[in-house]
Amino acid sequence: MEGVYGWLAEVALVRATLLIWLDLSWDECRNGLLARGLRRGMTLNDQKDLLAWAEDYWVRTTSSSVTGHERLYRAFMATKRVCARATTWLRSCPRSPATA
């Protein structure tokens, strides 16, 4: 499951056997959001608002913040990993026979 919504992750973690935290820098997050472009009827103002919200990830203290995610990570008792770059994590994933 991917996403920043801690309240949703909390529900899924009850049954999870592995937690991987992609602890990305703001530059990597921003570049990823910009690369997605305008989606699902998004306007330039919507994108600006999303970028501002995403940049506040390290400041806010809700379940959808670094504080909320650290809380979930610390409480998770099964196997867990932290990866600071999405590309590093992707290279470490086993490939299925269809994509190898």
Protein backbone atom coordinates (compact mmCIF):
# COMPACT_ATOMS: atom_id res chain seq x y z
CA MET A 1 0.00 0.00 0.00
CA GLU A 2 1.42 3.37 -0.98
CA GLY A 3 0.43 6.75 0.31
CA VAL A 4 0.80 9.35 2.98
CA TYR A 5 -2.51 8.71 4.71
CA GLY A 6 -1.48 7.39 8.11
CA TRP A 7 -5.06 6.70 9.19
CA LEU A 8 -5.46 4.34 6.22
CA ALA A 9 -2.05 2.72 6.75
CA GLU A 10 -2.95 2.09 10.38
CA VAL A 11 -5.91 -0.05 9.27
CA ALA A 12 -3.76 -2.05 6.83
CA LEU A 13 -0.84 -2.56 9.24
CA VAL A 14 -2.92 -4.83 11.46
CA ARG A 15 -2.55 -7.55 8.80
CA ALA A 16 0.81 -6.53 7.32
CA THR A 17 3.90 -8.70 7.61
CA LEU A 18 6.35 -6.13 6.22
CA LEU A 19 6.52 -2.33 6.45
CA ILE A 20 8.76 -0.36 4.09
CA TRP A 21 9.03 3.34 4.78
CA LEU A 22 10.17 5.30 1.75
CA ASP A 23 11.68 8.22 3.65
CA LEU A 24 12.11 10.52 0.66
CA SER A 25 13.62 13.99 0.59
CA TRP A 26 11.42 16.95 -0.23
CA ASP A 27 13.20 17.29 -3.60
CA GLU A 28 12.36 13.72 -4.57
CA CYS A 29 8.74 14.13 -3.42
CA ARG A 30 8.31 17.43 -5.24
CA ASN A 31 9.88 16.09 -8.42
CA GLY A 32 7.57 13.06 -8.31
CA LEU A 33 4.48 15.21 -7.84
CA LEU A 34 5.52 17.52 -10.68
CA ALA A 35 6.27 14.55 -12.96
CA ARG A 36 2.70 13.28 -12.44
CA GLY A 37 1.39 16.50 -13.92
CA LEU A 38 -2.21 17.62 -13.67
CA ARG A 39 -4.44 14.58 -13.11
CA ARG A 40 -8.13 13.91 -12.60
CA GLY A 41 -9.31 17.42 -13.40
CA MET A 42 -6.58 19.06 -11.32
CA THR A 43 -5.95 22.75 -11.99
CA LEU A 44 -2.67 24.62 -11.58
CA ASN A 45 -4.05 26.03 -8.31
CA ASP A 46 -4.87 22.49 -7.12
CA GLN A 47 -1.31 21.43 -7.93
CA LYS A 48 0.06 24.46 -6.06
CA ASP A 49 -2.08 23.54 -3.02
CA LEU A 50 -0.95 19.91 -3.19
CA LEU A 51 2.71 20.95 -3.33
CA ALA A 52 2.23 23.24 -0.31
CA TRP A 53 0.47 20.47 1.62
CA ALA A 54 3.19 17.95 0.72
CA GLU A 55 5.97 20.34 1.73
CA ASP A 56 4.36 20.69 5.17
CA TYR A 57 4.79 16.92 5.74
CA TRP A 58 7.72 17.54 8.10
CA VAL A 59 5.87 20.31 10.02
CA ARG A 60 2.35 19.05 10.65
CA THR A 61 1.68 16.43 13.32
CA THR A 62 -1.36 14.58 11.94
CA SER A 63 -1.40 10.90 10.98
CA SER A 64 -0.36 12.08 7.48
CA SER A 65 2.93 13.59 8.63
CA VAL A 66 6.44 12.43 9.41
CA THR A 67 5.44 12.44 13.09
CA GLY A 68 2.42 10.22 12.41
CA HIS A 69 4.44 7.88 10.20
CA GLU A 70 7.23 7.60 12.78
CA ARG A 71 4.60 6.63 15.35
CA LEU A 72 3.29 3.85 13.08
CA TYR A 73 6.81 2.68 12.26
CA ARG A 74 7.88 2.46 15.90
CA ALA A 75 4.71 0.56 16.85
CA PHE A 76 5.00 -1.98 14.01
CA MET A 77 6.36 -5.23 15.43
CA ALA A 78 6.93 -7.30 12.27
CA THR A 79 9.72 -6.86 9.70
CA LYS A 80 10.33 -3.25 8.75
CA ARG A 81 12.77 -1.30 6.59
CA VAL A 82 13.55 2.34 5.83
CA CYS A 83 14.70 3.38 2.39
CA ALA A 84 15.73 6.95 1.63
CA ARG A 85 15.39 6.73 -2.16
CA ALA A 86 12.56 5.24 -4.19
CA THR A 87 14.94 4.04 -6.90
CA THR A 88 17.04 2.15 -4.33
CA TRP A 89 13.95 0.40 -3.03
CA LEU A 90 12.70 -0.47 -6.51
CA ARG A 91 16.06 -2.02 -7.46
CA SER A 92 15.90 -4.22 -4.36
CA CYS A 93 12.50 -5.69 -5.23
CA PRO A 94 12.49 -9.17 -6.65
CA ARG A 95 11.29 -9.32 -10.22
CA SER A 96 8.50 -11.59 -11.27
CA PRO A 97 9.33 -14.07 -14.09
CA ALA A 98 7.13 -12.02 -16.44
CA THR A 99 9.23 -8.84 -15.99
CA ALA A 100 12.70 -10.34 -15.58
